């Protein structure tokens, strides 16, 4: 399912895994590693994840819904509200199957869902379904970074 992900893209991808349960983070990280994605950062709750996202560029977020301090839906809304991260692919991980909650998550801009417990093939399918979103986000970040560098260089040359 991840045939579309080149090995170069897998190496460049920077994934943030957010869950307050250390065992769950370990399972997700192991699954991502088995799929060839190894540049992974962990966060113990939405608050820590939000700080990490403000300081770093990520290719994707995999986040538990129910966490202390800042839950997954609140983190998702904050990400979608920010200009810099509004296109960041976000997979919600939950055991919650209430239709109203799923609708709320979709309305907030979630990219995909994983229902606990899930298997490696479910994660692989979600990643495969989000390939184009990941590539677009990755290219947007690279273009923005390039534009900022070019603008700063132009400003430096004009001041000289």
C-alpha atoms as a PDB file:
ATOM      1  CA  UNK A   1       0.000   0.000   0.000  1.00  0.00           C
ATOM      2  CA  UNK A   2       2.925   2.349   0.539  1.00  0.00           C
ATOM      3  CA  UNK A   3       4.316   1.767  -2.950  1.00  0.00           C
ATOM      4  CA  UNK A   4       3.690   5.443  -3.713  1.00  0.00           C
ATOM      5  CA  UNK A   5       5.936   6.495  -0.851  1.00  0.00           C
ATOM      6  CA  UNK A   6       9.455   6.509  -2.216  1.00  0.00           C
ATOM      7  CA  UNK A   7      12.193   5.494   0.162  1.00  0.00           C
ATOM      8  CA  UNK A   8      13.477   9.084  -0.032  1.00  0.00           C
ATOM      9  CA  UNK A   9      10.103  10.435   1.077  1.00  0.00           C
ATOM     10  CA  UNK A  10       9.919   7.883   3.906  1.00  0.00           C
ATOM     11  CA  UNK A  11      13.355   9.040   5.097  1.00  0.00           C
ATOM     12  CA  UNK A  12      12.378  12.720   4.854  1.00  0.00           C
ATOM     13  CA  UNK A  13       9.033  12.279   6.598  1.00  0.00           C
ATOM     14  CA  UNK A  14       8.957  13.566  10.127  1.00  0.00           C
ATOM     15  CA  UNK A  15       6.045  12.082  12.056  1.00  0.00           C
ATOM     16  CA  UNK A  16       4.716  13.207  15.426  1.00  0.00           C
ATOM     17  CA  UNK A  17       3.059  10.487  17.532  1.00  0.00           C
ATOM     18  CA  UNK A  18       0.884  11.844  20.360  1.00  0.00           C
ATOM     19  CA  UNK A  19      -0.541   9.579  23.063  1.00  0.00           C
ATOM     20  CA  UNK A  20      -0.513   9.743  26.847  1.00  0.00           C
ATOM     21  CA  UNK A  21      -0.034   5.961  27.076  1.00  0.00           C
ATOM     22  CA  UNK A  22       3.634   5.037  26.601  1.00  0.00           C
ATOM     23  CA  UNK A  23       2.754   1.508  25.464  1.00  0.00           C
ATOM     24  CA  UNK A  24       0.476   2.856  22.704  1.00  0.00           C
ATOM     25  CA  UNK A  25       3.192   5.236  21.478  1.00  0.00           C
ATOM     26  CA  UNK A  26       5.641   2.321  21.391  1.00  0.00           C
ATOM     27  CA  UNK A  27       3.227   0.220  19.309  1.00  0.00           C
ATOM     28  CA  UNK A  28       2.615   3.028  16.807  1.00  0.00           C
ATOM     29  CA  UNK A  29       6.321   3.820  16.516  1.00  0.00           C
ATOM     30  CA  UNK A  30       7.111   0.140  15.964  1.00  0.00           C
ATOM     31  CA  UNK A  31       4.484  -0.073  13.214  1.00  0.00           C
ATOM     32  CA  UNK A  32       5.765   3.085  11.500  1.00  0.00           C
ATOM     33  CA  UNK A  33       9.320   1.730  11.666  1.00  0.00           C
ATOM     34  CA  UNK A  34       8.209  -1.541  10.108  1.00  0.00           C
ATOM     35  CA  UNK A  35       6.748   0.525   7.258  1.00  0.00           C
ATOM     36  CA  UNK A  36      10.092   2.294   6.749  1.00  0.00           C
ATOM     37  CA  UNK A  37       9.255   5.559   8.530  1.00  0.00           C
ATOM     38  CA  UNK A  38      11.840   6.199  11.216  1.00  0.00           C
ATOM     39  CA  UNK A  39      12.026   9.962  11.812  1.00  0.00           C
ATOM     40  CA  UNK A  40       9.503   9.958  14.640  1.00  0.00           C
ATOM     41  CA  UNK A  41       8.970  12.319  17.569  1.00  0.00           C
ATOM     42  CA  UNK A  42       6.837  11.470  20.603  1.00  0.00           C
ATOM     43  CA  UNK A  43       4.571  13.695  22.675  1.00  0.00           C
ATOM     44  CA  UNK A  44       2.793  12.661  25.867  1.00  0.00           C
ATOM     45  CA  UNK A  45      -0.212  14.966  25.421  1.00  0.00           C
ATOM     46  CA  UNK A  46      -1.693  17.595  23.135  1.00  0.00           C
ATOM     47  CA  UNK A  47      -0.047  20.446  24.996  1.00  0.00           C
ATOM     48  CA  UNK A  48       3.442  19.046  24.444  1.00  0.00           C
ATOM     49  CA  UNK A  49       2.538  18.213  20.833  1.00  0.00           C
ATOM     50  CA  UNK A  50       1.372  21.779  20.198  1.00  0.00           C
ATOM     51  CA  UNK A  51       4.680  23.164  21.477  1.00  0.00           C
ATOM     52  CA  UNK A  52       6.622  20.720  19.290  1.00  0.00           C
ATOM     53  CA  UNK A  53       4.538  21.647  16.231  1.00  0.00           C
ATOM     54  CA  UNK A  54       5.193  25.359  16.815  1.00  0.00           C
ATOM     55  CA  UNK A  55       8.953  24.662  16.884  1.00  0.00           C
ATOM     56  CA  UNK A  56       9.308  21.992  14.169  1.00  0.00           C
ATOM     57  CA  UNK A  57       7.927  21.014  10.778  1.00  0.00           C
ATOM     58  CA  UNK A  58       6.196  17.650  10.629  1.00  0.00           C
ATOM     59  CA  UNK A  59       4.943  15.631   7.669  1.00  0.00           C
ATOM     60  CA  UNK A  60       2.110  14.067   9.657  1.00  0.00           C
ATOM     61  CA  UNK A  61       0.575  13.762  13.124  1.00  0.00           C
ATOM     62  CA  UNK A  62      -0.888  10.569  14.595  1.00  0.00           C
ATOM     63  CA  UNK A  63      -2.787  11.547  17.713  1.00  0.00           C
ATOM     64  CA  UNK A  64      -4.930   9.911  20.383  1.00  0.00           C
ATOM     65  CA  UNK A  65      -8.273  11.596  21.024  1.00  0.00           C
ATOM     66  CA  UNK A  66      -8.477  11.250  24.820  1.00  0.00           C
ATOM     67  CA  UNK A  67      -5.516  12.765  26.674  1.00  0.00           C
ATOM     68  CA  UNK A  68      -4.931  15.022  29.672  1.00  0.00           C
ATOM     69  CA  UNK A  69      -4.170  18.747  29.380  1.00  0.00           C
ATOM     70  CA  UNK A  70      -5.157  19.071  25.703  1.00  0.00           C
ATOM     71  CA  UNK A  71      -7.091  16.349  23.913  1.00  0.00           C
ATOM     72  CA  UNK A  72      -6.736  15.310  20.278  1.00  0.00           C
ATOM     73  CA  UNK A  73      -9.740  17.231  18.915  1.00  0.00           C
ATOM     74  CA  UNK A  74      -8.530  20.459  20.559  1.00  0.00           C
ATOM     75  CA  UNK A  75      -5.045  19.933  19.142  1.00  0.00           C
ATOM     76  CA  UNK A  76      -6.530  19.279  15.696  1.00  0.00           C
ATOM     77  CA  UNK A  77      -8.490  22.539  15.842  1.00  0.00           C
ATOM     78  CA  UNK A  78      -5.389  24.482  16.879  1.00  0.00           C
ATOM     79  CA  UNK A  79      -3.439  22.966  13.992  1.00  0.00           C
ATOM     80  CA  UNK A  80      -6.167  23.782  11.463  1.00  0.00           C
ATOM     81  CA  UNK A  81      -6.462  27.324  12.832  1.00  0.00           C
ATOM     82  CA  UNK A  82      -2.774  28.100  12.274  1.00  0.00           C
ATOM     83  CA  UNK A  83      -1.719  29.256   8.813  1.00  0.00           C
ATOM     84  CA  UNK A  84       1.560  27.339   9.039  1.00  0.00           C
ATOM     85  CA  UNK A  85      -0.017  23.990   9.877  1.00  0.00           C
ATOM     86  CA  UNK A  86      -3.502  24.034   8.395  1.00  0.00           C
ATOM     87  CA  UNK A  87      -2.546  21.472   5.723  1.00  0.00           C
ATOM     88  CA  UNK A  88      -0.664  19.175   8.129  1.00  0.00           C
ATOM     89  CA  UNK A  89      -2.045  15.628   7.691  1.00  0.00           C
ATOM     90  CA  UNK A  90      -3.607  14.514  10.983  1.00  0.00           C
ATOM     91  CA  UNK A  91      -4.755  10.987  11.816  1.00  0.00           C
ATOM     92  CA  UNK A  92      -6.968  10.661  14.888  1.00  0.00           C
ATOM     93  CA  UNK A  93      -6.514   7.469  16.880  1.00  0.00           C
ATOM     94  CA  UNK A  94      -9.448   6.551  19.084  1.00  0.00           C
ATOM     95  CA  UNK A  95     -11.623   3.840  20.502  1.00  0.00           C
ATOM     96  CA  UNK A  96     -14.505   6.313  20.323  1.00  0.00           C
ATOM     97  CA  UNK A  97     -17.039   5.273  17.697  1.00  0.00           C
ATOM     98  CA  UNK A  98     -19.875   7.695  18.494  1.00  0.00           C
ATOM     99  CA  UNK A  99     -21.250   9.118  15.256  1.00  0.00           C
ATOM    100  CA  UNK A 100     -21.512  12.680  16.628  1.00  0.00           C
ATOM    101  CA  UNK A 101     -17.870  12.606  17.717  1.00  0.00           C
ATOM    102  CA  UNK A 102     -16.761  11.318  14.323  1.00  0.00           C
ATOM    103  CA  UNK A 103     -18.769  14.100  12.625  1.00  0.00           C
ATOM    104  CA  UNK A 104     -17.160  16.669  14.939  1.00  0.00           C
ATOM    105  CA  UNK A 105     -13.724  15.368  14.040  1.00  0.00           C
ATOM    106  CA  UNK A 106     -14.479  15.487  10.309  1.00  0.00           C
ATOM    107  CA  UNK A 107     -15.853  19.020  10.651  1.00  0.00           C
ATOM    108  CA  UNK A 108     -12.619  19.996  12.423  1.00  0.00           C
ATOM    109  CA  UNK A 109     -10.560  18.829   9.448  1.00  0.00           C
ATOM    110  CA  UNK A 110      -9.194  15.418  10.397  1.00  0.00           C
ATOM    111  CA  UNK A 111      -7.341  13.661   7.576  1.00  0.00           C
ATOM    112  CA  UNK A 112      -8.005  10.088   8.725  1.00  0.00           C
ATOM    113  CA  UNK A 113      -9.044   7.759  11.539  1.00  0.00           C
ATOM    114  CA  UNK A 114      -7.608   4.693  13.193  1.00  0.00           C
ATOM    115  CA  UNK A 115      -9.921   2.833  15.557  1.00  0.00           C
ATOM    116  CA  UNK A 116      -8.262   1.077  18.489  1.00  0.00           C
ATOM    117  CA  UNK A 117      -7.194  -1.624  18.468  1.00  0.00           C
ATOM    118  CA  UNK A 118      -5.734  -1.490  14.968  1.00  0.00           C
ATOM    119  CA  UNK A 119      -3.325  -3.627  12.996  1.00  0.00           C
ATOM    120  CA  UNK A 120      -0.345  -2.737  10.838  1.00  0.00           C
ATOM    121  CA  UNK A 121      -2.390  -3.079   7.633  1.00  0.00           C
ATOM    122  CA  UNK A 122      -4.911  -0.468   8.894  1.00  0.00           C
ATOM    123  CA  UNK A 123      -2.111   2.015   9.559  1.00  0.00           C
ATOM    124  CA  UNK A 124      -0.560   1.246   6.202  1.00  0.00           C
ATOM    125  CA  UNK A 125      -3.896   1.838   4.455  1.00  0.00           C
ATOM    126  CA  UNK A 126      -4.363   5.191   6.213  1.00  0.00           C
ATOM    127  CA  UNK A 127      -0.859   6.279   5.216  1.00  0.00           C
ATOM    128  CA  UNK A 128      -1.460   5.124   1.652  1.00  0.00           C
ATOM    129  CA  UNK A 129      -4.737   7.064   1.504  1.00  0.00           C
ATOM    130  CA  UNK A 130      -2.930  10.196   2.715  1.00  0.00           C
ATOM    131  CA  UNK A 131       0.032   9.947   0.326  1.00  0.00           C
ATOM    132  CA  UNK A 132      -1.012  12.940  -1.792  1.00  0.00           C
ATOM    133  CA  UNK A 133      -1.735  15.064   1.294  1.00  0.00           C
ATOM    134  CA  UNK A 134       1.679  14.237   2.768  1.00  0.00           C
ATOM    135  CA  UNK A 135       3.471  15.055  -0.489  1.00  0.00           C
ATOM    136  CA  UNK A 136       1.558  18.329  -0.893  1.00  0.00           C
ATOM    137  CA  UNK A 137       2.264  19.364   2.696  1.00  0.00           C
ATOM    138  CA  UNK A 138       5.921  18.375   2.329  1.00  0.00           C
ATOM    139  CA  UNK A 139       6.297  20.414  -0.881  1.00  0.00           C
ATOM    140  CA  UNK A 140       4.455  23.385   0.632  1.00  0.00           C
ATOM    141  CA  UNK A 141       6.793  23.455   3.634  1.00  0.00           C
ATOM    142  CA  UNK A 142       9.857  23.165   1.389  1.00  0.00           C
ATOM    143  CA  UNK A 143       8.560  25.923  -0.904  1.00  0.00           C
ATOM    144  CA  UNK A 144       7.783  28.191   2.043  1.00  0.00           C
ATOM    145  CA  UNK A 145      11.199  27.562   3.551  1.00  0.00           C
ATOM    146  CA  UNK A 146      12.811  28.275   0.181  1.00  0.00           C
ATOM    147  CA  UNK A 147      10.747  31.468  -0.255  1.00  0.00           C
ATOM    148  CA  UNK A 148      11.736  32.691   3.208  1.00  0.00           C
ATOM    149  CA  UNK A 149      15.428  32.025   2.534  1.00  0.00           C
ATOM    150  CA  UNK A 150      15.224  33.800  -0.834  1.00  0.00           C
ATOM    151  CA  UNK A 151      13.405  36.791   0.680  1.00  0.00           C
ATOM    152  CA  UNK A 152      15.964  37.075   3.493  1.00  0.00           C
ATOM    153  CA  UNK A 153      18.847  36.834   1.018  1.00  0.00           C
ATOM    154  CA  UNK A 154      17.248  39.495  -1.188  1.00  0.00           C
ATOM    155  CA  UNK A 155      16.744  41.757   1.827  1.00  0.00           C
ATOM    156  CA  UNK A 156      20.343  41.245   2.926  1.00  0.00           C
ATOM    157  CA  UNK A 157      21.661  42.108  -0.552  1.00  0.00           C
ATOM    158  CA  UNK A 158      19.477  45.218  -0.825  1.00  0.00           C
ATOM    159  CA  UNK A 159      20.695  46.460   2.592  1.00  0.00           C
ATOM    160  CA  UNK A 160      24.345  46.055   1.589  1.00  0.00           C
END
